[in-house]
Amino acid sequence: QVQLVESGGGLVQPGGSLRLSCAASGIIFSINDMDWYRQAPGKERELVATIRSNGNTAYADSVKGRFTISRDNTKNTTYLQMNSLKPEDTAVYYCYARLAQYWGQGTQVTVSS
């Protein structure tokens, strides 16, 4: 059974940091490109960051320089380190395994003072 389980979300003040995790099971994690998406209320889901199976990364312009995506194939986990958070980063964050075409359940990130 495929599972992608996100964790690490929460409430943080502007300028703060959070690290999201996405633990995968039931897939061959190492060959999957992994994405982090987010969806704010009333907005479409948007791609935030990608890490390919070879370790190459890409970011949306809105998070470049503030967010870092990484992966640990020994733990079947991908991470999203989010620094210098802004209120506009508030959203539900989802991980996605491209080859498996499978979504996690999402984790809420709220940036507010």
N, C-alpha and C. Protein backbone atom coordinates (compact mmCIF):
# COMPACT_ATOMS: atom_id res chain seq x y z
N GLN A 1 0.84 -1.19 0.00
CA GLN A 1 0.00 0.00 0.00
C GLN A 1 0.88 1.24 0.00
N VAL A 2 0.60 2.14 -0.94
CA VAL A 2 1.39 3.36 -1.05
C VAL A 2 0.95 4.36 0.02
N GLN A 3 1.93 4.97 0.67
CA GLN A 3 1.64 6.04 1.61
C GLN A 3 2.70 7.12 1.49
N LEU A 4 2.25 8.36 1.50
CA LEU A 4 3.12 9.52 1.64
C LEU A 4 2.58 10.29 2.83
N VAL A 5 3.37 10.43 3.87
CA VAL A 5 2.91 11.05 5.10
C VAL A 5 3.74 12.30 5.38
N GLU A 6 3.07 13.45 5.28
CA GLU A 6 3.74 14.73 5.56
C GLU A 6 3.65 15.04 7.05
N SER A 7 4.64 15.76 7.53
CA SER A 7 4.64 16.25 8.91
C SER A 7 5.49 17.50 8.99
N GLY A 8 5.38 18.20 10.12
CA GLY A 8 6.21 19.36 10.35
C GLY A 8 5.54 20.70 10.18
N GLY A 9 4.29 20.70 9.74
CA GLY A 9 3.58 21.95 9.60
C GLY A 9 3.22 22.55 10.95
N GLY A 10 2.69 23.78 10.90
CA GLY A 10 2.29 24.44 12.14
C GLY A 10 2.15 25.92 11.95
N LEU A 11 2.07 26.61 13.08
CA LEU A 11 1.95 28.07 13.10
C LEU A 11 3.31 28.67 13.41
N VAL A 12 3.72 29.63 12.61
CA VAL A 12 5.02 30.27 12.81
C VAL A 12 4.89 31.75 12.52
N GLN A 13 5.69 32.55 13.18
CA GLN A 13 5.66 34.00 12.95
C GLN A 13 6.41 34.34 11.66
N PRO A 14 6.05 35.47 11.06
CA PRO A 14 6.81 35.91 9.87
C PRO A 14 8.30 35.99 10.18
N GLY A 15 9.10 35.52 9.24
CA GLY A 15 10.54 35.47 9.43
C GLY A 15 11.04 34.18 10.04
N GLY A 16 10.12 33.35 10.49
CA GLY A 16 10.47 32.10 11.12
C GLY A 16 10.76 30.99 10.12
N SER A 17 11.02 29.80 10.67
CA SER A 17 11.39 28.64 9.85
C SER A 17 10.57 27.41 10.25
N LEU A 18 10.38 26.54 9.28
CA LEU A 18 9.80 25.23 9.52
C LEU A 18 10.48 24.24 8.59
N ARG A 19 10.51 22.98 9.01
CA ARG A 19 10.98 21.93 8.13
C ARG A 19 9.88 20.88 7.98
N LEU A 20 9.45 20.71 6.75
CA LEU A 20 8.45 19.68 6.45
C LEU A 20 9.14 18.39 6.05
N SER A 21 8.52 17.29 6.40
CA SER A 21 9.00 15.97 6.01
C SER A 21 7.90 15.22 5.28
N CYS A 22 8.31 14.36 4.37
CA CYS A 22 7.37 13.50 3.66
C CYS A 22 7.98 12.10 3.63
N ALA A 23 7.41 11.21 4.41
CA ALA A 23 7.90 9.84 4.50
C ALA A 23 7.09 8.94 3.57
N ALA A 24 7.79 8.23 2.71
CA ALA A 24 7.15 7.38 1.71
C ALA A 24 7.27 5.91 2.06
N SER A 25 6.25 5.16 1.71
CA SER A 25 6.29 3.71 1.82
C SER A 25 5.47 3.12 0.69
N GLY A 26 5.80 1.90 0.32
CA GLY A 26 5.05 1.23 -0.75
C GLY A 26 5.46 1.63 -2.15
N ILE A 27 6.52 2.45 -2.28
CA ILE A 27 7.04 2.83 -3.58
C ILE A 27 8.55 2.66 -3.58
N ILE A 28 9.13 2.62 -4.78
CA ILE A 28 10.59 2.63 -4.87
C ILE A 28 11.00 4.08 -4.84
N PHE A 29 11.24 4.57 -3.64
CA PHE A 29 11.43 6.01 -3.43
C PHE A 29 12.58 6.56 -4.26
N SER A 30 13.66 5.84 -4.34
CA SER A 30 14.88 6.39 -4.93
C SER A 30 14.74 6.74 -6.41
N ILE A 31 13.79 6.13 -7.10
CA ILE A 31 13.65 6.42 -8.53
C ILE A 31 12.55 7.43 -8.82
N ASN A 32 11.90 7.91 -7.77
CA ASN A 32 10.84 8.90 -7.94
C ASN A 32 11.38 10.31 -7.81
N ASP A 33 11.07 11.14 -8.82
CA ASP A 33 11.21 12.57 -8.61
C ASP A 33 10.13 12.96 -7.60
N MET A 34 10.49 13.83 -6.67
CA MET A 34 9.57 14.23 -5.60
C MET A 34 9.30 15.73 -5.68
N ASP A 35 8.04 16.08 -5.52
CA ASP A 35 7.62 17.47 -5.56
C ASP A 35 6.98 17.88 -4.23
N TRP A 36 7.12 19.15 -3.92
CA TRP A 36 6.30 19.80 -2.89
C TRP A 36 5.41 20.82 -3.59
N TYR A 37 4.12 20.71 -3.33
CA TYR A 37 3.13 21.66 -3.81
C TYR A 37 2.51 22.35 -2.60
N ARG A 38 1.82 23.45 -2.88
CA ARG A 38 1.03 24.09 -1.84
C ARG A 38 -0.25 24.64 -2.43
N GLN A 39 -1.25 24.74 -1.56
CA GLN A 39 -2.53 25.29 -1.98
C GLN A 39 -3.07 26.19 -0.88
N ALA A 40 -3.20 27.47 -1.22
CA ALA A 40 -3.77 28.44 -0.30
C ALA A 40 -5.28 28.51 -0.52
N PRO A 41 -6.02 28.96 0.48
CA PRO A 41 -7.47 29.04 0.32
C PRO A 41 -7.87 29.87 -0.89
N GLY A 42 -8.74 29.32 -1.71
CA GLY A 42 -9.24 30.04 -2.87
C GLY A 42 -8.28 30.10 -4.04
N LYS A 43 -7.14 29.41 -3.92
CA LYS A 43 -6.14 29.44 -5.00
C LYS A 43 -5.88 28.03 -5.52
N GLU A 44 -5.30 27.98 -6.70
CA GLU A 44 -4.95 26.69 -7.29
C GLU A 44 -3.70 26.12 -6.61
N ARG A 45 -3.58 24.81 -6.66
CA ARG A 45 -2.38 24.17 -6.14
C ARG A 45 -1.19 24.56 -7.03
N GLU A 46 -0.09 24.94 -6.39
CA GLU A 46 1.08 25.36 -7.16
C GLU A 46 2.30 24.56 -6.76
N LEU A 47 3.17 24.33 -7.75
CA LEU A 47 4.41 23.61 -7.52
C LEU A 47 5.41 24.55 -6.84
N VAL A 48 5.97 24.08 -5.73
CA VAL A 48 6.90 24.89 -4.95
C VAL A 48 8.35 24.48 -5.22
N ALA A 49 8.60 23.17 -5.19
CA ALA A 49 9.97 22.68 -5.33
C ALA A 49 9.96 21.25 -5.82
N THR A 50 11.02 20.89 -6.52
CA THR A 50 11.20 19.54 -7.07
C THR A 50 12.60 19.07 -6.76
N ILE A 51 12.70 17.80 -6.41
CA ILE A 51 14.02 17.16 -6.35
C ILE A 51 13.93 15.87 -7.17
N ARG A 52 14.80 15.79 -8.15
CA ARG A 52 14.78 14.63 -9.03
C ARG A 52 15.50 13.46 -8.38
N SER A 53 15.35 12.31 -9.00
CA SER A 53 15.99 11.11 -8.46
C SER A 53 17.51 11.25 -8.46
N ASN A 54 18.03 12.09 -9.36
CA ASN A 54 19.49 12.28 -9.40
C ASN A 54 19.96 13.39 -8.47
N GLY A 55 19.02 13.99 -7.73
CA GLY A 55 19.36 15.03 -6.77
C GLY A 55 19.24 16.46 -7.27
N ASN A 56 19.01 16.64 -8.57
CA ASN A 56 18.83 17.99 -9.09
C ASN A 56 17.56 18.61 -8.51
N THR A 57 17.61 19.91 -8.29
CA THR A 57 16.50 20.61 -7.66
C THR A 57 16.02 21.78 -8.51
N ALA A 58 14.78 22.17 -8.29
CA ALA A 58 14.22 23.34 -8.94
C ALA A 58 13.19 23.96 -7.99
N TYR A 59 13.02 25.29 -8.12
CA TYR A 59 12.16 26.02 -7.20
C TYR A 59 11.28 27.02 -7.94
N ALA A 60 10.12 27.28 -7.37
CA ALA A 60 9.31 28.38 -7.84
C ALA A 60 10.02 29.69 -7.50
N ASP A 61 9.84 30.69 -8.33
CA ASP A 61 10.50 31.97 -8.10
C ASP A 61 10.13 32.56 -6.74
N SER A 62 8.90 32.29 -6.30
CA SER A 62 8.42 32.89 -5.06
C SER A 62 9.13 32.37 -3.81
N VAL A 63 9.81 31.22 -3.93
CA VAL A 63 10.46 30.63 -2.75
C VAL A 63 11.97 30.50 -2.93
N LYS A 64 12.47 30.84 -4.11
CA LYS A 64 13.89 30.68 -4.38
C LYS A 64 14.71 31.49 -3.39
N GLY A 65 15.72 30.84 -2.83
CA GLY A 65 16.58 31.51 -1.86
C GLY A 65 16.08 31.40 -0.43
N ARG A 66 14.83 30.96 -0.26
CA ARG A 66 14.27 30.82 1.10
C ARG A 66 13.99 29.35 1.45
N PHE A 67 13.60 28.57 0.46
CA PHE A 67 13.24 27.16 0.69
C PHE A 67 14.34 26.26 0.11
N THR A 68 14.53 25.12 0.76
CA THR A 68 15.47 24.13 0.27
C THR A 68 14.83 22.75 0.33
N ILE A 69 14.82 22.07 -0.81
CA ILE A 69 14.30 20.71 -0.86
C ILE A 69 15.47 19.74 -0.81
N SER A 70 15.27 18.63 -0.12
CA SER A 70 16.31 17.61 -0.04
C SER A 70 15.64 16.25 0.09
N ARG A 71 16.46 15.21 0.01
CA ARG A 71 15.93 13.87 0.15
C ARG A 71 16.96 12.98 0.81
N ASP A 72 16.47 11.97 1.51
CA ASP A 72 17.31 10.94 2.11
C ASP A 72 16.75 9.60 1.66
N ASN A 73 17.40 9.02 0.68
CA ASN A 73 16.89 7.76 0.11
C ASN A 73 17.01 6.60 1.10
N THR A 74 17.87 6.73 2.10
CA THR A 74 17.99 5.66 3.10
C THR A 74 16.78 5.66 4.05
N LYS A 75 16.11 6.81 4.12
CA LYS A 75 14.93 6.93 4.99
C LYS A 75 13.64 7.08 4.18
N ASN A 76 13.76 7.00 2.85
CA ASN A 76 12.57 7.18 1.98
C ASN A 76 11.82 8.46 2.33
N THR A 77 12.56 9.52 2.53
CA THR A 77 11.96 10.77 3.00
C THR A 77 12.49 11.95 2.21
N THR A 78 11.59 12.87 1.90
CA THR A 78 11.98 14.14 1.32
C THR A 78 11.63 15.25 2.31
N TYR A 79 12.40 16.32 2.26
CA TYR A 79 12.25 17.42 3.20
C TYR A 79 12.07 18.73 2.46
N LEU A 80 11.43 19.67 3.13
CA LEU A 80 11.35 21.04 2.63
C LEU A 80 11.70 21.96 3.79
N GLN A 81 12.89 22.52 3.76
CA GLN A 81 13.31 23.50 4.76
C GLN A 81 12.83 24.86 4.31
N MET A 82 12.04 25.51 5.14
CA MET A 82 11.44 26.80 4.78
C MET A 82 11.93 27.86 5.76
N ASN A 83 12.66 28.82 5.24
CA ASN A 83 13.20 29.92 6.05
C ASN A 83 12.59 31.24 5.62
N SER A 84 12.75 32.24 6.45
CA SER A 84 12.25 33.59 6.15
C SER A 84 10.79 33.54 5.68
N LEU A 85 9.99 32.84 6.43
CA LEU A 85 8.59 32.63 6.01
C LEU A 85 7.80 33.92 6.03
N LYS A 86 6.88 34.01 5.08
CA LYS A 86 6.04 35.18 4.90
C LYS A 86 4.57 34.77 5.05
N PRO A 87 3.70 35.71 5.36
CA PRO A 87 2.27 35.36 5.45
C PRO A 87 1.73 34.72 4.17
N GLU A 88 2.27 35.13 3.04
CA GLU A 88 1.80 34.57 1.76
C GLU A 88 2.25 33.13 1.54
N ASP A 89 3.08 32.61 2.42
CA ASP A 89 3.45 31.18 2.36
C ASP A 89 2.40 30.31 3.03
N THR A 90 1.44 30.92 3.68
CA THR A 90 0.38 30.15 4.34
C THR A 90 -0.39 29.31 3.33
N ALA A 91 -0.46 28.01 3.58
CA ALA A 91 -1.10 27.08 2.66
C ALA A 91 -1.06 25.68 3.25
N VAL A 92 -1.77 24.77 2.62
CA VAL A 92 -1.57 23.35 2.88
C VAL A 92 -0.49 22.88 1.92
N TYR A 93 0.51 22.22 2.47
CA TYR A 93 1.65 21.74 1.68
C TYR A 93 1.52 20.23 1.47
N TYR A 94 1.71 19.83 0.21
CA TYR A 94 1.56 18.42 -0.18
C TYR A 94 2.85 17.93 -0.83
N CYS A 95 3.21 16.70 -0.58
CA CYS A 95 4.27 16.09 -1.37
C CYS A 95 3.64 15.17 -2.41
N TYR A 96 4.39 14.98 -3.49
CA TYR A 96 3.90 14.20 -4.63
C TYR A 96 5.05 13.38 -5.19
N ALA A 97 4.79 12.09 -5.37
CA ALA A 97 5.76 11.18 -5.99
C ALA A 97 5.38 11.03 -7.46
N ARG A 98 6.25 11.50 -8.33
CA ARG A 98 5.87 11.60 -9.75
C ARG A 98 5.68 10.24 -10.41
N LEU A 99 6.61 9.34 -10.25
CA LEU A 99 6.51 8.05 -10.94
C LEU A 99 5.33 7.26 -10.40
N ALA A 100 5.14 7.29 -9.10
CA ALA A 100 4.02 6.59 -8.47
C ALA A 100 2.70 7.32 -8.67
N GLN A 101 2.78 8.61 -9.04
CA GLN A 101 1.59 9.46 -9.22
C GLN A 101 0.73 9.42 -7.96
N TYR A 102 1.37 9.73 -6.84
CA TYR A 102 0.66 9.62 -5.57
C TYR A 102 0.91 10.86 -4.73
N TRP A 103 -0.19 11.32 -4.09
CA TRP A 103 -0.14 12.51 -3.24
C TRP A 103 -0.16 12.13 -1.76
N GLY A 104 0.48 12.96 -0.97
CA GLY A 104 0.30 12.88 0.47
C GLY A 104 -0.99 13.58 0.88
N GLN A 105 -1.29 13.53 2.17
CA GLN A 105 -2.55 14.08 2.67
C GLN A 105 -2.46 15.58 2.97
N GLY A 106 -1.25 16.10 3.02
CA GLY A 106 -1.06 17.53 3.25
C GLY A 106 -0.80 17.87 4.70
N THR A 107 -0.08 18.98 4.89
CA THR A 107 0.18 19.52 6.22
C THR A 107 0.01 21.04 6.16
N GLN A 108 -0.67 21.58 7.15
CA GLN A 108 -0.99 23.00 7.15
C GLN A 108 0.19 23.81 7.67
N VAL A 109 0.53 24.85 6.93
CA VAL A 109 1.52 25.84 7.36
C VAL A 109 0.83 27.19 7.43
N THR A 110 0.90 27.81 8.59
CA THR A 110 0.30 29.13 8.79
C THR A 110 1.37 30.08 9.29
N VAL A 111 1.55 31.17 8.55
CA VAL A 111 2.54 32.18 8.92
C VAL A 111 1.78 33.43 9.34
N SER A 112 1.84 33.73 10.62
CA SER A 112 1.05 34.84 11.15
C SER A 112 1.64 35.31 12.47
N SER A 113 1.50 36.61 12.71
CA SER A 113 1.94 37.15 13.99
C SER A 113 0.77 37.18 14.98
